[in-house]
Amino acid sequence: TKLIEIVEIGKQLLITRGALTTFSIA
C-alpha cells in the first residue's frame, strides 16, 4: 500500500516546485 504514499510524495514534489516558482516570480 506504500505505492499510494509514493504517488502523494511525487505530487508533493511537483507542487512544491511549482509553488516556489510562482512565489519567486511574484
mmCIF file of all heavy atoms, coordinates in Angstrom:
data_MODEL
# 
_entry.id   MODEL 
# 
loop_
_atom_site.group_PDB 
_atom_site.id 
_atom_site.type_symbol 
_atom_site.label_atom_id 
_atom_site.label_alt_id 
_atom_site.label_comp_id 
_atom_site.label_asym_id 
_atom_site.label_entity_id 
_atom_site.label_seq_id 
_atom_site.pdbx_PDB_ins_code 
_atom_site.Cartn_x 
_atom_site.Cartn_y 
_atom_site.Cartn_z 
_atom_site.occupancy 
_atom_site.B_iso_or_equiv 
_atom_site.pdbx_formal_charge 
_atom_site.auth_seq_id 
_atom_site.auth_comp_id 
_atom_site.auth_asym_id 
_atom_site.auth_atom_id 
_atom_site.pdbx_PDB_model_num 
ATOM 1   N N   . THR A 1 1  ? 0.822  -1.209 0.000   1.00 0.00 ? 1  THR A N   1 
ATOM 2   C CA  . THR A 1 1  ? 0.000  0.000  0.000   1.00 0.00 ? 1  THR A CA  1 
ATOM 3   C C   . THR A 1 1  ? 0.856  1.258  0.000   1.00 0.00 ? 1  THR A C   1 
ATOM 4   O O   . THR A 1 1  ? 0.345  2.361  -0.176  1.00 0.00 ? 1  THR A O   1 
ATOM 5   C CB  . THR A 1 1  ? -0.941 0.024  1.213   1.00 0.00 ? 1  THR A CB  1 
ATOM 6   O OG1 . THR A 1 1  ? -0.160 -0.049 2.418   1.00 0.00 ? 1  THR A OG1 1 
ATOM 7   C CG2 . THR A 1 1  ? -1.896 -1.143 1.197   1.00 0.00 ? 1  THR A CG2 1 
ATOM 8   N N   . LYS A 1 2  ? 2.169  1.105  0.215   1.00 0.00 ? 2  LYS A N   1 
ATOM 9   C CA  . LYS A 1 2  ? 3.080  2.258  0.206   1.00 0.00 ? 2  LYS A CA  1 
ATOM 10  C C   . LYS A 1 2  ? 3.042  2.966  -1.144  1.00 0.00 ? 2  LYS A C   1 
ATOM 11  O O   . LYS A 1 2  ? 3.414  4.139  -1.243  1.00 0.00 ? 2  LYS A O   1 
ATOM 12  C CB  . LYS A 1 2  ? 4.493  1.775  0.526   1.00 0.00 ? 2  LYS A CB  1 
ATOM 13  C CG  . LYS A 1 2  ? 5.502  2.861  0.869   1.00 0.00 ? 2  LYS A CG  1 
ATOM 14  C CD  . LYS A 1 2  ? 5.360  3.356  2.283   1.00 0.00 ? 2  LYS A CD  1 
ATOM 15  C CE  . LYS A 1 2  ? 5.741  2.335  3.304   1.00 0.00 ? 2  LYS A CE  1 
ATOM 16  N NZ  . LYS A 1 2  ? 7.129  1.951  3.333   1.00 0.00 ? 2  LYS A NZ  1 
ATOM 17  N N   . LEU A 1 3  ? 2.607  2.262  -2.187  1.00 0.00 ? 3  LEU A N   1 
ATOM 18  C CA  . LEU A 1 3  ? 2.561  2.851  -3.522  1.00 0.00 ? 3  LEU A CA  1 
ATOM 19  C C   . LEU A 1 3  ? 1.696  4.108  -3.530  1.00 0.00 ? 3  LEU A C   1 
ATOM 20  O O   . LEU A 1 3  ? 2.004  5.088  -4.212  1.00 0.00 ? 3  LEU A O   1 
ATOM 21  C CB  . LEU A 1 3  ? 2.014  1.829  -4.525  1.00 0.00 ? 3  LEU A CB  1 
ATOM 22  C CG  . LEU A 1 3  ? 1.972  2.236  -5.996  1.00 0.00 ? 3  LEU A CG  1 
ATOM 23  C CD1 . LEU A 1 3  ? 3.346  2.639  -6.488  1.00 0.00 ? 3  LEU A CD1 1 
ATOM 24  C CD2 . LEU A 1 3  ? 1.432  1.097  -6.845  1.00 0.00 ? 3  LEU A CD2 1 
ATOM 25  N N   . ILE A 1 4  ? 0.636  4.101  -2.750  1.00 0.00 ? 4  ILE A N   1 
ATOM 26  C CA  . ILE A 1 4  ? -0.245 5.271  -2.687  1.00 0.00 ? 4  ILE A CA  1 
ATOM 27  C C   . ILE A 1 4  ? 0.503  6.451  -2.077  1.00 0.00 ? 4  ILE A C   1 
ATOM 28  O O   . ILE A 1 4  ? 0.408  7.589  -2.553  1.00 0.00 ? 4  ILE A O   1 
ATOM 29  C CB  . ILE A 1 4  ? -1.517 4.930  -1.887  1.00 0.00 ? 4  ILE A CB  1 
ATOM 30  C CG1 . ILE A 1 4  ? -2.289 3.805  -2.595  1.00 0.00 ? 4  ILE A CG1 1 
ATOM 31  C CG2 . ILE A 1 4  ? -2.405 6.156  -1.718  1.00 0.00 ? 4  ILE A CG2 1 
ATOM 32  C CD1 . ILE A 1 4  ? -3.476 3.279  -1.821  1.00 0.00 ? 4  ILE A CD1 1 
ATOM 33  N N   . GLU A 1 5  ? 1.278  6.201  -1.013  1.00 0.00 ? 5  GLU A N   1 
ATOM 34  C CA  . GLU A 1 5  ? 2.080  7.267  -0.398  1.00 0.00 ? 5  GLU A CA  1 
ATOM 35  C C   . GLU A 1 5  ? 3.133  7.789  -1.360  1.00 0.00 ? 5  GLU A C   1 
ATOM 36  O O   . GLU A 1 5  ? 3.428  8.984  -1.396  1.00 0.00 ? 5  GLU A O   1 
ATOM 37  C CB  . GLU A 1 5  ? 2.761  6.757  0.873   1.00 0.00 ? 5  GLU A CB  1 
ATOM 38  C CG  . GLU A 1 5  ? 1.835  6.499  2.038   1.00 0.00 ? 5  GLU A CG  1 
ATOM 39  C CD  . GLU A 1 5  ? 2.613  6.087  3.274   1.00 0.00 ? 5  GLU A CD  1 
ATOM 40  O OE1 . GLU A 1 5  ? 3.521  6.836  3.672   1.00 0.00 ? 5  GLU A OE1 1 
ATOM 41  O OE2 . GLU A 1 5  ? 2.319  5.018  3.827   1.00 0.00 ? 5  GLU A OE2 1 
ATOM 42  N N   . ILE A 1 6  ? 3.731  6.882  -2.139  1.00 0.00 ? 6  ILE A N   1 
ATOM 43  C CA  . ILE A 1 6  ? 4.770  7.284  -3.091  1.00 0.00 ? 6  ILE A CA  1 
ATOM 44  C C   . ILE A 1 6  ? 4.199  8.258  -4.114  1.00 0.00 ? 6  ILE A C   1 
ATOM 45  O O   . ILE A 1 6  ? 4.835  9.266  -4.458  1.00 0.00 ? 6  ILE A O   1 
ATOM 46  C CB  . ILE A 1 6  ? 5.364  6.040  -3.778  1.00 0.00 ? 6  ILE A CB  1 
ATOM 47  C CG1 . ILE A 1 6  ? 6.180  5.221  -2.770  1.00 0.00 ? 6  ILE A CG1 1 
ATOM 48  C CG2 . ILE A 1 6  ? 6.231  6.438  -4.973  1.00 0.00 ? 6  ILE A CG2 1 
ATOM 49  C CD1 . ILE A 1 6  ? 6.597  3.856  -3.277  1.00 0.00 ? 6  ILE A CD1 1 
ATOM 50  N N   . VAL A 1 7  ? 3.000  7.970  -4.601  1.00 0.00 ? 7  VAL A N   1 
ATOM 51  C CA  . VAL A 1 7  ? 2.353  8.865  -5.563  1.00 0.00 ? 7  VAL A CA  1 
ATOM 52  C C   . VAL A 1 7  ? 2.119  10.233 -4.930  1.00 0.00 ? 7  VAL A C   1 
ATOM 53  O O   . VAL A 1 7  ? 2.358  11.282 -5.545  1.00 0.00 ? 7  VAL A O   1 
ATOM 54  C CB  . VAL A 1 7  ? 1.030  8.251  -6.061  1.00 0.00 ? 7  VAL A CB  1 
ATOM 55  C CG1 . VAL A 1 7  ? 0.230  9.266  -6.857  1.00 0.00 ? 7  VAL A CG1 1 
ATOM 56  C CG2 . VAL A 1 7  ? 1.303  7.018  -6.915  1.00 0.00 ? 7  VAL A CG2 1 
ATOM 57  N N   . GLU A 1 8  ? 1.676  10.239 -3.672  1.00 0.00 ? 8  GLU A N   1 
ATOM 58  C CA  . GLU A 1 8  ? 1.409  11.508 -2.991  1.00 0.00 ? 8  GLU A CA  1 
ATOM 59  C C   . GLU A 1 8  ? 2.701  12.302 -2.793  1.00 0.00 ? 8  GLU A C   1 
ATOM 60  O O   . GLU A 1 8  ? 2.717  13.528 -2.933  1.00 0.00 ? 8  GLU A O   1 
ATOM 61  C CB  . GLU A 1 8  ? 0.724  11.244 -1.653  1.00 0.00 ? 8  GLU A CB  1 
ATOM 62  C CG  . GLU A 1 8  ? -0.699 10.715 -1.812  1.00 0.00 ? 8  GLU A CG  1 
ATOM 63  C CD  . GLU A 1 8  ? -1.346 10.352 -0.481  1.00 0.00 ? 8  GLU A CD  1 
ATOM 64  O OE1 . GLU A 1 8  ? -0.608 10.299 0.530   1.00 0.00 ? 8  GLU A OE1 1 
ATOM 65  O OE2 . GLU A 1 8  ? -2.560 10.125 -0.450  1.00 0.00 ? 8  GLU A OE2 1 
ATOM 66  N N   . ILE A 1 9  ? 3.801  11.616 -2.471  1.00 0.00 ? 9  ILE A N   1 
ATOM 67  C CA  . ILE A 1 9  ? 5.088  12.299 -2.293  1.00 0.00 ? 9  ILE A CA  1 
ATOM 68  C C   . ILE A 1 9  ? 5.569  12.880 -3.622  1.00 0.00 ? 9  ILE A C   1 
ATOM 69  O O   . ILE A 1 9  ? 6.096  13.991 -3.679  1.00 0.00 ? 9  ILE A O   1 
ATOM 70  C CB  . ILE A 1 9  ? 6.134  11.328 -1.705  1.00 0.00 ? 9  ILE A CB  1 
ATOM 71  C CG1 . ILE A 1 9  ? 5.786  10.994 -0.256  1.00 0.00 ? 9  ILE A CG1 1 
ATOM 72  C CG2 . ILE A 1 9  ? 7.538  11.926 -1.780  1.00 0.00 ? 9  ILE A CG2 1 
ATOM 73  C CD1 . ILE A 1 9  ? 6.626  9.885  0.336   1.00 0.00 ? 9  ILE A CD1 1 
ATOM 74  N N   . GLY A 1 10 ? 5.387  12.112 -4.713  1.00 0.00 ? 10 GLY A N   1 
ATOM 75  C CA  . GLY A 1 10 ? 5.760  12.613 -6.027  1.00 0.00 ? 10 GLY A CA  1 
ATOM 76  C C   . GLY A 1 10 ? 4.975  13.858 -6.401  1.00 0.00 ? 10 GLY A C   1 
ATOM 77  O O   . GLY A 1 10 ? 5.532  14.834 -6.931  1.00 0.00 ? 10 GLY A O   1 
ATOM 78  N N   . LYS A 1 11 ? 3.682  13.845 -6.125  1.00 0.00 ? 11 LYS A N   1 
ATOM 79  C CA  . LYS A 1 11 ? 2.858  15.014 -6.415  1.00 0.00 ? 11 LYS A CA  1 
ATOM 80  C C   . LYS A 1 11 ? 3.270  16.195 -5.533  1.00 0.00 ? 11 LYS A C   1 
ATOM 81  O O   . LYS A 1 11 ? 3.278  17.345 -5.972  1.00 0.00 ? 11 LYS A O   1 
ATOM 82  C CB  . LYS A 1 11 ? 1.377  14.679 -6.230  1.00 0.00 ? 11 LYS A CB  1 
ATOM 83  C CG  . LYS A 1 11 ? 0.819  13.794 -7.335  1.00 0.00 ? 11 LYS A CG  1 
ATOM 84  C CD  . LYS A 1 11 ? -0.678 13.711 -7.289  1.00 0.00 ? 11 LYS A CD  1 
ATOM 85  C CE  . LYS A 1 11 ? -1.215 12.948 -8.500  1.00 0.00 ? 11 LYS A CE  1 
ATOM 86  N NZ  . LYS A 1 11 ? -0.975 13.655 -9.768  1.00 0.00 ? 11 LYS A NZ  1 
ATOM 87  N N   . GLN A 1 12 ? 3.609  15.898 -4.275  1.00 0.00 ? 12 GLN A N   1 
ATOM 88  C CA  . GLN A 1 12 ? 4.043  16.962 -3.376  1.00 0.00 ? 12 GLN A CA  1 
ATOM 89  C C   . GLN A 1 12 ? 5.318  17.622 -3.893  1.00 0.00 ? 12 GLN A C   1 
ATOM 90  O O   . GLN A 1 12 ? 5.481  18.842 -3.812  1.00 0.00 ? 12 GLN A O   1 
ATOM 91  C CB  . GLN A 1 12 ? 4.271  16.400 -1.973  1.00 0.00 ? 12 GLN A CB  1 
ATOM 92  C CG  . GLN A 1 12 ? 4.602  17.463 -0.939  1.00 0.00 ? 12 GLN A CG  1 
ATOM 93  C CD  . GLN A 1 12 ? 4.917  16.881 0.413   1.00 0.00 ? 12 GLN A CD  1 
ATOM 94  O OE1 . GLN A 1 12 ? 5.544  15.825 0.524   1.00 0.00 ? 12 GLN A OE1 1 
ATOM 95  N NE2 . GLN A 1 12 ? 4.483  17.556 1.466   1.00 0.00 ? 12 GLN A NE2 1 
ATOM 96  N N   . LEU A 1 13 ? 6.231  16.819 -4.444  1.00 0.00 ? 13 LEU A N   1 
ATOM 97  C CA  . LEU A 1 13 ? 7.466  17.365 -5.011  1.00 0.00 ? 13 LEU A CA  1 
ATOM 98  C C   . LEU A 1 13 ? 7.161  18.333 -6.148  1.00 0.00 ? 13 LEU A C   1 
ATOM 99  O O   . LEU A 1 13 ? 7.689  19.454 -6.197  1.00 0.00 ? 13 LEU A O   1 
ATOM 100 C CB  . LEU A 1 13 ? 8.358  16.224 -5.516  1.00 0.00 ? 13 LEU A CB  1 
ATOM 101 C CG  . LEU A 1 13 ? 9.577  16.622 -6.353  1.00 0.00 ? 13 LEU A CG  1 
ATOM 102 C CD1 . LEU A 1 13 ? 10.567 17.409 -5.514  1.00 0.00 ? 13 LEU A CD1 1 
ATOM 103 C CD2 . LEU A 1 13 ? 10.243 15.401 -6.959  1.00 0.00 ? 13 LEU A CD2 1 
ATOM 104 N N   . LEU A 1 14 ? 6.286  17.922 -7.076  1.00 0.00 ? 14 LEU A N   1 
ATOM 105 C CA  . LEU A 1 14 ? 5.954  18.771 -8.215  1.00 0.00 ? 14 LEU A CA  1 
ATOM 106 C C   . LEU A 1 14 ? 5.223  20.032 -7.768  1.00 0.00 ? 14 LEU A C   1 
ATOM 107 O O   . LEU A 1 14 ? 5.470  21.129 -8.281  1.00 0.00 ? 14 LEU A O   1 
ATOM 108 C CB  . LEU A 1 14 ? 5.095  17.992 -9.210  1.00 0.00 ? 14 LEU A CB  1 
ATOM 109 C CG  . LEU A 1 14 ? 5.759  16.760 -9.843  1.00 0.00 ? 14 LEU A CG  1 
ATOM 110 C CD1 . LEU A 1 14 ? 4.787  16.049 -10.784 1.00 0.00 ? 14 LEU A CD1 1 
ATOM 111 C CD2 . LEU A 1 14 ? 7.025  17.142 -10.594 1.00 0.00 ? 14 LEU A CD2 1 
ATOM 112 N N   . ILE A 1 15 ? 4.320  19.876 -6.790  1.00 0.00 ? 15 ILE A N   1 
ATOM 113 C CA  . ILE A 1 15 ? 3.559  21.028 -6.305  1.00 0.00 ? 15 ILE A CA  1 
ATOM 114 C C   . ILE A 1 15 ? 4.476  22.017 -5.594  1.00 0.00 ? 15 ILE A C   1 
ATOM 115 O O   . ILE A 1 15 ? 4.351  23.231 -5.749  1.00 0.00 ? 15 ILE A O   1 
ATOM 116 C CB  . ILE A 1 15 ? 2.426  20.553 -5.372  1.00 0.00 ? 15 ILE A CB  1 
ATOM 117 C CG1 . ILE A 1 15 ? 1.354  19.842 -6.189  1.00 0.00 ? 15 ILE A CG1 1 
ATOM 118 C CG2 . ILE A 1 15 ? 1.805  21.727 -4.620  1.00 0.00 ? 15 ILE A CG2 1 
ATOM 119 C CD1 . ILE A 1 15 ? 0.334  19.124 -5.345  1.00 0.00 ? 15 ILE A CD1 1 
ATOM 120 N N   . THR A 1 16 ? 5.423  21.486 -4.813  1.00 0.00 ? 16 THR A N   1 
ATOM 121 C CA  . THR A 1 16 ? 6.364  22.358 -4.098  1.00 0.00 ? 16 THR A CA  1 
ATOM 122 C C   . THR A 1 16 ? 7.193  23.167 -5.084  1.00 0.00 ? 16 THR A C   1 
ATOM 123 O O   . THR A 1 16 ? 7.383  24.376 -4.918  1.00 0.00 ? 16 THR A O   1 
ATOM 124 C CB  . THR A 1 16 ? 7.292  21.522 -3.198  1.00 0.00 ? 16 THR A CB  1 
ATOM 125 O OG1 . THR A 1 16 ? 6.503  20.783 -2.264  1.00 0.00 ? 16 THR A OG1 1 
ATOM 126 C CG2 . THR A 1 16 ? 8.260  22.410 -2.448  1.00 0.00 ? 16 THR A CG2 1 
ATOM 127 N N   . ARG A 1 17 ? 7.684  22.501 -6.119  1.00 0.00 ? 17 ARG A N   1 
ATOM 128 C CA  . ARG A 1 17 ? 8.484  23.193 -7.127  1.00 0.00 ? 17 ARG A CA  1 
ATOM 129 C C   . ARG A 1 17 ? 7.654  24.266 -7.824  1.00 0.00 ? 17 ARG A C   1 
ATOM 130 O O   . ARG A 1 17 ? 8.112  25.400 -8.033  1.00 0.00 ? 17 ARG A O   1 
ATOM 131 C CB  . ARG A 1 17 ? 9.019  22.189 -8.136  1.00 0.00 ? 17 ARG A CB  1 
ATOM 132 C CG  . ARG A 1 17 ? 10.035 22.773 -9.097  1.00 0.00 ? 17 ARG A CG  1 
ATOM 133 C CD  . ARG A 1 17 ? 10.515 21.713 -10.064 1.00 0.00 ? 17 ARG A CD  1 
ATOM 134 N NE  . ARG A 1 17 ? 11.280 20.693 -9.385  1.00 0.00 ? 17 ARG A NE  1 
ATOM 135 C CZ  . ARG A 1 17 ? 11.395 19.441 -9.791  1.00 0.00 ? 17 ARG A CZ  1 
ATOM 136 N NH1 . ARG A 1 17 ? 10.755 19.054 -10.882 1.00 0.00 ? 17 ARG A NH1 1 
ATOM 137 N NH2 . ARG A 1 17 ? 12.119 18.577 -9.123  1.00 0.00 ? 17 ARG A NH2 1 
ATOM 138 N N   . GLY A 1 18 ? 6.410  23.927 -8.173  1.00 0.00 ? 18 GLY A N   1 
ATOM 139 C CA  . GLY A 1 18 ? 5.540  24.895 -8.838  1.00 0.00 ? 18 GLY A CA  1 
ATOM 140 C C   . GLY A 1 18 ? 5.190  26.064 -7.936  1.00 0.00 ? 18 GLY A C   1 
ATOM 141 O O   . GLY A 1 18 ? 5.180  27.226 -8.372  1.00 0.00 ? 18 GLY A O   1 
ATOM 142 N N   . ALA A 1 19 ? 4.912  25.765 -6.654  1.00 0.00 ? 19 ALA A N   1 
ATOM 143 C CA  . ALA A 1 19 ? 4.526  26.816 -5.713  1.00 0.00 ? 19 ALA A CA  1 
ATOM 144 C C   . ALA A 1 19 ? 5.669  27.803 -5.491  1.00 0.00 ? 19 ALA A C   1 
ATOM 145 O O   . ALA A 1 19 ? 5.469  29.028 -5.501  1.00 0.00 ? 19 ALA A O   1 
ATOM 146 C CB  . ALA A 1 19 ? 4.101  26.194 -4.386  1.00 0.00 ? 19 ALA A CB  1 
ATOM 147 N N   . LEU A 1 20 ? 6.880  27.289 -5.300  1.00 0.00 ? 20 LEU A N   1 
ATOM 148 C CA  . LEU A 1 20 ? 8.015  28.176 -5.036  1.00 0.00 ? 20 LEU A CA  1 
ATOM 149 C C   . LEU A 1 20 ? 8.455  28.920 -6.297  1.00 0.00 ? 20 LEU A C   1 
ATOM 150 O O   . LEU A 1 20 ? 8.981  30.030 -6.209  1.00 0.00 ? 20 LEU A O   1 
ATOM 151 C CB  . LEU A 1 20 ? 9.177  27.382 -4.446  1.00 0.00 ? 20 LEU A CB  1 
ATOM 152 C CG  . LEU A 1 20 ? 8.946  26.874 -3.013  1.00 0.00 ? 20 LEU A CG  1 
ATOM 153 C CD1 . LEU A 1 20 ? 10.173 26.152 -2.477  1.00 0.00 ? 20 LEU A CD1 1 
ATOM 154 C CD2 . LEU A 1 20 ? 8.564  28.019 -2.084  1.00 0.00 ? 20 LEU A CD2 1 
ATOM 155 N N   . THR A 1 21 ? 8.223  28.322 -7.476  1.00 0.00 ? 21 THR A N   1 
ATOM 156 C CA  . THR A 1 21 ? 8.496  29.053 -8.720  1.00 0.00 ? 21 THR A CA  1 
ATOM 157 C C   . THR A 1 21 ? 7.533  30.228 -8.856  1.00 0.00 ? 21 THR A C   1 
ATOM 158 O O   . THR A 1 21 ? 7.929  31.346 -9.210  1.00 0.00 ? 21 THR A O   1 
ATOM 159 C CB  . THR A 1 21 ? 8.363  28.118 -9.935  1.00 0.00 ? 21 THR A CB  1 
ATOM 160 O OG1 . THR A 1 21 ? 9.290  27.038 -9.802  1.00 0.00 ? 21 THR A OG1 1 
ATOM 161 C CG2 . THR A 1 21 ? 8.651  28.865 -11.230 1.00 0.00 ? 21 THR A CG2 1 
ATOM 162 N N   . THR A 1 22 ? 6.257  29.982 -8.556  1.00 0.00 ? 22 THR A N   1 
ATOM 163 C CA  . THR A 1 22 ? 5.255  31.054 -8.587  1.00 0.00 ? 22 THR A CA  1 
ATOM 164 C C   . THR A 1 22 ? 5.619  32.154 -7.609  1.00 0.00 ? 22 THR A C   1 
ATOM 165 O O   . THR A 1 22 ? 5.563  33.348 -7.925  1.00 0.00 ? 22 THR A O   1 
ATOM 166 C CB  . THR A 1 22 ? 3.864  30.488 -8.242  1.00 0.00 ? 22 THR A CB  1 
ATOM 167 O OG1 . THR A 1 22 ? 3.549  29.429 -9.136  1.00 0.00 ? 22 THR A OG1 1 
ATOM 168 C CG2 . THR A 1 22 ? 2.796  31.562 -8.336  1.00 0.00 ? 22 THR A CG2 1 
ATOM 169 N N   . PHE A 1 23 ? 6.009  31.741 -6.387  1.00 0.00 ? 23 PHE A N   1 
ATOM 170 C CA  . PHE A 1 23 ? 6.382  32.718 -5.356  1.00 0.00 ? 23 PHE A CA  1 
ATOM 171 C C   . PHE A 1 23 ? 7.595  33.530 -5.809  1.00 0.00 ? 23 PHE A C   1 
ATOM 172 O O   . PHE A 1 23 ? 7.645  34.752 -5.637  1.00 0.00 ? 23 PHE A O   1 
ATOM 173 C CB  . PHE A 1 23 ? 6.695  31.991 -4.048  1.00 0.00 ? 23 PHE A CB  1 
ATOM 174 C CG  . PHE A 1 23 ? 7.026  32.910 -2.902  1.00 0.00 ? 23 PHE A CG  1 
ATOM 175 C CD1 . PHE A 1 23 ? 6.035  33.333 -2.034  1.00 0.00 ? 23 PHE A CD1 1 
ATOM 176 C CD2 . PHE A 1 23 ? 8.320  33.362 -2.702  1.00 0.00 ? 23 PHE A CD2 1 
ATOM 177 C CE1 . PHE A 1 23 ? 6.330  34.192 -0.977  1.00 0.00 ? 23 PHE A CE1 1 
ATOM 178 C CE2 . PHE A 1 23 ? 8.631  34.210 -1.660  1.00 0.00 ? 23 PHE A CE2 1 
ATOM 179 C CZ  . PHE A 1 23 ? 7.628  34.627 -0.789  1.00 0.00 ? 23 PHE A CZ  1 
ATOM 180 N N   . SER A 1 24 ? 8.578  32.850 -6.398  1.00 0.00 ? 24 SER A N   1 
ATOM 181 C CA  . SER A 1 24 ? 9.808  33.519 -6.800  1.00 0.00 ? 24 SER A CA  1 
ATOM 182 C C   . SER A 1 24 ? 9.551  34.584 -7.864  1.00 0.00 ? 24 SER A C   1 
ATOM 183 O O   . SER A 1 24 ? 10.077 35.710 -7.778  1.00 0.00 ? 24 SER A O   1 
ATOM 184 C CB  . SER A 1 24 ? 10.812 32.490 -7.330  1.00 0.00 ? 24 SER A CB  1 
ATOM 185 O OG  . SER A 1 24 ? 11.993 33.100 -7.770  1.00 0.00 ? 24 SER A OG  1 
ATOM 186 N N   . ILE A 1 25 ? 8.738  34.237 -8.855  1.00 0.00 ? 25 ILE A N   1 
ATOM 187 C CA  . ILE A 1 25 ? 8.464  35.191 -9.935  1.00 0.00 ? 25 ILE A CA  1 
ATOM 188 C C   . ILE A 1 25 ? 7.682  36.390 -9.400  1.00 0.00 ? 25 ILE A C   1 
ATOM 189 O O   . ILE A 1 25 ? 7.992  37.549 -9.708  1.00 0.00 ? 25 ILE A O   1 
ATOM 190 C CB  . ILE A 1 25 ? 7.702  34.490 -11.075 1.00 0.00 ? 25 ILE A CB  1 
ATOM 191 C CG1 . ILE A 1 25 ? 8.622  33.448 -11.737 1.00 0.00 ? 25 ILE A CG1 1 
ATOM 192 C CG2 . ILE A 1 25 ? 7.204  35.497 -12.098 1.00 0.00 ? 25 ILE A CG2 1 
ATOM 193 C CD1 . ILE A 1 25 ? 7.937  32.566 -12.748 1.00 0.00 ? 25 ILE A CD1 1 
ATOM 194 N N   . ALA A 1 26 ? 6.661  36.116 -8.559  1.00 0.00 ? 26 ALA A N   1 
ATOM 195 C CA  . ALA A 1 26 ? 5.881  37.211 -7.971  1.00 0.00 ? 26 ALA A CA  1 
ATOM 196 C C   . ALA A 1 26 ? 6.741  38.038 -7.021  1.00 0.00 ? 26 ALA A C   1 
ATOM 197 O O   . ALA A 1 26 ? 6.580  39.266 -6.906  1.00 0.00 ? 26 ALA A O   1 
ATOM 198 C CB  . ALA A 1 26 ? 4.670  36.639 -7.226  1.00 0.00 ? 26 ALA A CB  1 
# 
